[in-house]
């Protein structure tokens, strides 16, 4: 097996960057996915900052647009954008897109009002319930099957914050999110955390990625540039400072 030295990786990255600079990377993401992507957060959210700072540190010029999730995904598939993020790896998306190295690994839980004990390890209790899950977001496989079988009624608003409000109004029974995103949506309601419940069990670890359409004429080159930028950024002090700032902000929010 050929081993590439740190210097070799740097040379390769610089070559890819030189080729990419002729065409700035056109990125698109969606709103309402706090704390990862949100117009209301500094820098557009944690993962928006990770992607932009990683490319910037590697001297890869890029632009970032905000569109509804389904539209941004469709326009990326059509090649009108070079890449979009963050997306969970699924078999269906894998047929049309290349996936980057993970941006982050998280676990998804069920969120409901307090007193309603829904658990991932007993999905039968969800039959006949109303699920809130934003338009363009990817459902866990088992939940997708229940929706297709008519065992769950899915409501698809534009963002997760609306799902949290709909729980309070009694219009939906539960929503699905990873821990940080679910907590942010609940906090946005202004209600105490005691009014809600997060399932003890989860769907297991999932990873969030940047994706590039397989139909893009420079798909492989773009993905190499993105991956090498992410790898270089993860080993830098800037990445550590960004994560530290994010954790400090979460701690301050929890103390309010």
Protein backbone atom coordinates (compact mmCIF):
# COMPACT_ATOMS: atom_id res chain seq x y z
CA UNK A 1 0.00 0.00 0.00
CA UNK A 2 1.32 3.43 -0.95
CA UNK A 3 1.59 5.84 1.98
CA UNK A 4 1.27 9.56 1.33
CA UNK A 5 3.36 11.89 3.48
CA UNK A 6 2.01 15.08 5.02
CA UNK A 7 3.98 17.01 2.41
CA UNK A 8 2.49 14.84 -0.33
CA UNK A 9 -1.04 15.62 0.87
CA UNK A 10 -0.18 19.32 0.87
CA UNK A 11 1.13 19.20 -2.70
CA UNK A 12 -1.96 17.32 -3.85
CA UNK A 13 -4.25 19.80 -2.11
CA UNK A 14 -2.46 22.77 -3.68
CA UNK A 15 -2.80 21.19 -7.12
CA UNK A 16 -6.51 20.60 -6.63
CA UNK A 17 -6.99 24.10 -5.28
CA UNK A 18 -5.24 25.60 -8.30
CA UNK A 19 -7.63 23.72 -10.57
CA UNK A 20 -10.68 24.65 -8.46
CA UNK A 21 -9.86 28.37 -8.27
CA UNK A 22 -10.78 28.80 -11.92
CA UNK A 23 -14.37 28.20 -10.82
CA UNK A 24 -15.34 29.18 -7.28
CA UNK A 25 -17.28 26.48 -5.44
CA UNK A 26 -20.99 27.31 -5.42
CA UNK A 27 -22.47 25.96 -2.19
CA UNK A 28 -26.07 25.88 -1.01
CA UNK A 29 -27.63 24.95 2.32
CA UNK A 30 -30.98 25.29 4.09
CA UNK A 31 -32.26 27.22 7.07
CA UNK A 32 -33.80 26.01 10.33
CA UNK A 33 -31.27 23.27 11.13
CA UNK A 34 -29.81 24.91 14.22
CA UNK A 35 -27.18 24.63 15.55
CA UNK A 36 -25.65 23.30 12.33
CA UNK A 37 -27.14 25.60 9.68
CA UNK A 38 -29.32 28.58 10.51
CA UNK A 39 -29.48 32.16 9.25
CA UNK A 40 -30.11 33.30 12.81
CA UNK A 41 -26.81 31.92 14.13
CA UNK A 42 -23.35 33.52 13.87
CA UNK A 43 -21.64 32.41 10.69
CA UNK A 44 -24.77 30.55 9.60
CA UNK A 45 -24.34 27.79 12.18
CA UNK A 46 -21.63 25.36 13.22
CA UNK A 47 -21.37 23.27 10.04
CA UNK A 48 -21.69 26.28 7.75
CA UNK A 49 -18.64 27.66 9.55
CA UNK A 50 -16.79 24.34 9.36
CA UNK A 51 -17.27 24.08 5.58
CA UNK A 52 -16.49 27.72 4.81
CA UNK A 53 -13.48 27.91 7.13
CA UNK A 54 -12.07 24.61 5.86
CA UNK A 55 -12.26 25.79 2.25
CA UNK A 56 -10.96 29.22 3.19
CA UNK A 57 -7.96 27.81 5.05
CA UNK A 58 -7.15 25.77 1.92
CA UNK A 59 -7.50 28.93 -0.22
CA UNK A 60 -10.52 27.55 -2.07
CA UNK A 61 -12.87 30.40 -3.00
CA UNK A 62 -16.53 29.66 -2.39
CA UNK A 63 -19.97 31.24 -2.12
CA UNK A 64 -22.91 30.08 0.00
CA UNK A 65 -26.59 30.51 -0.85
CA UNK A 66 -29.63 29.70 1.31
CA UNK A 67 -32.63 27.95 -0.25
CA UNK A 68 -35.43 25.66 0.90
CA UNK A 69 -33.92 22.21 1.45
CA UNK A 70 -35.73 20.41 -1.36
CA UNK A 71 -34.93 23.14 -3.90
CA UNK A 72 -31.26 23.30 -2.92
CA UNK A 73 -30.93 19.54 -3.21
CA UNK A 74 -32.64 19.50 -6.60
CA UNK A 75 -30.50 22.34 -7.95
CA UNK A 76 -27.33 20.59 -6.74
CA UNK A 77 -28.41 17.40 -8.47
CA UNK A 78 -28.93 19.46 -11.65
CA UNK A 79 -25.44 20.97 -11.36
CA UNK A 80 -26.64 24.53 -10.69
CA UNK A 81 -24.68 24.31 -7.42
CA UNK A 82 -21.43 22.40 -6.91
CA UNK A 83 -22.31 21.01 -3.49
CA UNK A 84 -24.82 21.12 -0.65
CA UNK A 85 -24.73 20.15 3.02
CA UNK A 86 -25.34 18.75 5.58
CA UNK A 87 -26.93 15.48 4.46
CA UNK A 88 -27.22 12.01 5.96
CA UNK A 89 -25.92 9.14 3.83
CA UNK A 90 -28.79 7.08 2.40
CA UNK A 91 -28.97 4.48 -0.34
CA UNK A 92 -31.30 6.66 -2.41
CA UNK A 93 -29.04 9.71 -2.24
CA UNK A 94 -25.97 7.55 -2.81
CA UNK A 95 -27.27 6.71 -6.28
CA UNK A 96 -27.14 10.37 -7.30
CA UNK A 97 -24.50 11.96 -5.06
CA UNK A 98 -20.95 11.54 -3.79
CA UNK A 99 -20.50 11.98 -0.03
CA UNK A 100 -17.65 13.79 1.68
CA UNK A 101 -15.82 12.76 4.81
CA UNK A 102 -18.17 13.21 7.80
CA UNK A 103 -18.66 16.76 9.01
CA UNK A 104 -20.05 15.45 12.30
CA UNK A 105 -21.45 12.25 13.80
CA UNK A 106 -24.73 12.51 15.76
CA UNK A 107 -27.62 10.42 17.11
CA UNK A 108 -31.32 10.96 16.32
CA UNK A 109 -34.02 10.85 19.02
CA UNK A 110 -37.79 11.18 19.23
CA UNK A 111 -39.01 14.45 20.77
CA UNK A 112 -42.53 14.79 22.20
CA UNK A 113 -44.45 16.54 24.96
CA UNK A 114 -43.68 15.41 28.49
CA UNK A 115 -45.82 12.44 29.49
CA UNK A 116 -45.77 10.84 26.04
CA UNK A 117 -43.21 8.05 26.21
CA UNK A 118 -42.18 7.25 22.66
CA UNK A 119 -39.03 5.15 22.21
CA UNK A 120 -37.00 4.17 19.16
CA UNK A 121 -36.74 0.59 20.44
CA UNK A 122 -40.57 0.31 20.44
CA UNK A 123 -41.76 1.99 17.23
CA UNK A 124 -45.11 0.19 17.37
CA UNK A 125 -46.29 2.88 19.83
CA UNK A 126 -46.01 5.44 17.02
CA UNK A 127 -48.67 3.83 14.82
CA UNK A 128 -51.46 6.28 14.09
CA UNK A 129 -49.46 9.22 15.46
CA UNK A 130 -48.64 12.47 13.69
CA UNK A 131 -45.00 13.03 12.80
CA UNK A 132 -43.55 16.48 12.15
CA UNK A 133 -40.45 16.37 9.97
CA UNK A 134 -39.34 19.32 7.78
CA UNK A 135 -39.65 19.24 4.01
CA UNK A 136 -36.48 17.96 2.32
CA UNK A 137 -35.11 16.22 5.44
CA UNK A 138 -34.28 12.52 5.26
CA UNK A 139 -36.27 10.19 7.49
CA UNK A 140 -34.69 7.19 9.24
CA UNK A 141 -35.36 4.05 7.18
CA UNK A 142 -37.76 2.47 9.69
CA UNK A 143 -39.81 5.68 9.98
CA UNK A 144 -39.89 6.15 6.21
CA UNK A 145 -41.34 2.65 5.89
CA UNK A 146 -44.07 3.45 8.43
CA UNK A 147 -45.00 6.62 6.50
CA UNK A 148 -45.17 4.73 3.20
CA UNK A 149 -47.32 2.04 4.82
CA UNK A 150 -49.74 4.66 6.09
CA UNK A 151 -48.98 3.88 9.74
CA UNK A 152 -47.70 7.43 10.34
CA UNK A 153 -49.07 10.74 9.10
CA UNK A 154 -46.22 13.08 8.21
CA UNK A 155 -46.53 16.85 8.36
CA UNK A 156 -43.66 18.63 6.56
CA UNK A 157 -43.16 22.31 7.47
CA UNK A 158 -40.13 24.35 6.40
CA UNK A 159 -38.16 24.04 9.64
CA UNK A 160 -37.83 22.18 12.92
CA UNK A 161 -38.70 25.17 15.10
CA UNK A 162 -42.21 25.01 13.71
CA UNK A 163 -42.39 21.33 14.67
CA UNK A 164 -41.64 22.20 18.29
CA UNK A 165 -44.40 24.82 18.29
CA UNK A 166 -46.86 22.35 16.73
CA UNK A 167 -46.22 19.90 19.58
CA UNK A 168 -47.32 22.58 22.02
CA UNK A 169 -50.45 23.27 19.95
CA UNK A 170 -51.30 19.56 19.88
CA UNK A 171 -51.28 19.42 16.10
CA UNK A 172 -48.40 16.92 15.93
CA UNK A 173 -47.31 14.18 18.33
CA UNK A 174 -43.53 14.00 17.86
CA UNK A 175 -40.58 15.01 15.74
CA UNK A 176 -37.19 13.41 15.07
CA UNK A 177 -33.85 15.18 15.46
CA UNK A 178 -30.36 14.71 16.80
CA UNK A 179 -29.77 15.93 20.33
CA UNK A 180 -28.33 19.43 19.67
CA UNK A 181 -30.86 20.28 16.95
CA UNK A 182 -33.82 19.02 18.96
CA UNK A 183 -32.70 20.95 22.03
CA UNK A 184 -32.31 24.14 19.97
CA UNK A 185 -35.81 23.77 18.51
CA UNK A 186 -37.35 23.25 21.95
CA UNK A 187 -35.46 26.24 23.38
CA UNK A 188 -36.78 28.41 20.52
CA UNK A 189 -40.34 27.95 21.85
CA UNK A 190 -39.43 29.84 25.01
CA UNK A 191 -40.99 27.08 27.11
CA UNK A 192 -39.15 25.23 29.92
CA UNK A 193 -37.44 21.97 28.97
CA UNK A 194 -39.69 20.16 31.45
CA UNK A 195 -42.59 20.51 29.03
CA UNK A 196 -40.91 18.17 26.56
CA UNK A 197 -39.40 14.70 26.47
CA UNK A 198 -36.50 13.26 24.49
CA UNK A 199 -36.44 9.49 23.98
CA UNK A 200 -33.80 7.57 25.89
CA UNK A 201 -33.17 5.32 22.88
CA UNK A 202 -31.93 6.58 19.53
CA UNK A 203 -31.61 5.48 15.92
CA UNK A 204 -27.87 5.03 16.32
CA UNK A 205 -25.05 7.14 15.00
CA UNK A 206 -25.47 8.97 11.74
CA UNK A 207 -22.99 11.18 9.96
CA UNK A 208 -23.56 14.51 8.21
CA UNK A 209 -21.82 15.20 4.90
CA UNK A 210 -21.22 17.58 2.02
CA UNK A 211 -22.64 16.03 -1.17
CA UNK A 212 -21.82 16.53 -4.86
CA UNK A 213 -23.95 15.31 -7.76
CA UNK A 214 -22.47 12.32 -9.56
CA UNK A 215 -23.62 13.99 -12.78
CA UNK A 216 -21.41 17.03 -12.16
CA UNK A 217 -18.66 17.18 -14.82
CA UNK A 218 -16.03 17.76 -12.09
CA UNK A 219 -17.61 15.57 -9.39
CA UNK A 220 -14.49 13.60 -8.43
CA UNK A 221 -12.24 16.66 -8.45
CA UNK A 222 -14.68 18.66 -6.34
CA UNK A 223 -15.01 15.89 -3.80
CA UNK A 224 -11.24 15.50 -3.55
CA UNK A 225 -10.87 19.24 -2.96
CA UNK A 226 -13.60 19.24 -0.28
CA UNK A 227 -12.24 16.16 1.49
CA UNK A 228 -8.65 17.34 1.56
CA UNK A 229 -9.78 20.76 2.81
CA UNK A 230 -11.76 19.11 5.62
CA UNK A 231 -8.87 16.82 6.58
CA UNK A 232 -6.44 19.72 6.70
CA UNK A 233 -8.88 21.84 8.73
CA UNK A 234 -9.54 19.08 11.30
CA UNK A 235 -5.88 19.01 12.18
CA UNK A 236 -5.65 22.76 12.70
CA UNK A 237 -6.03 25.06 15.70
CA UNK A 238 -8.87 26.88 13.93
CA UNK A 239 -11.03 23.76 14.06
CA UNK A 240 -10.41 23.35 17.78
CA UNK A 241 -11.18 27.01 18.43
CA UNK A 242 -14.42 26.75 16.46
CA UNK A 243 -15.59 23.69 18.41
CA UNK A 244 -14.61 25.29 21.73
CA UNK A 245 -16.62 28.41 20.89
CA UNK A 246 -19.62 26.27 19.93
CA UNK A 247 -19.52 24.29 23.18
CA UNK A 248 -19.15 27.45 25.25
CA UNK A 249 -22.17 28.97 23.51
CA UNK A 250 -24.23 25.85 24.24
CA UNK A 251 -23.20 25.95 27.90
CA UNK A 252 -24.23 29.61 28.18
CA UNK A 253 -27.59 28.83 26.59
CA UNK A 254 -28.18 25.93 29.00
CA UNK A 255 -27.57 28.22 31.97
CA UNK A 256 -30.23 30.76 30.97
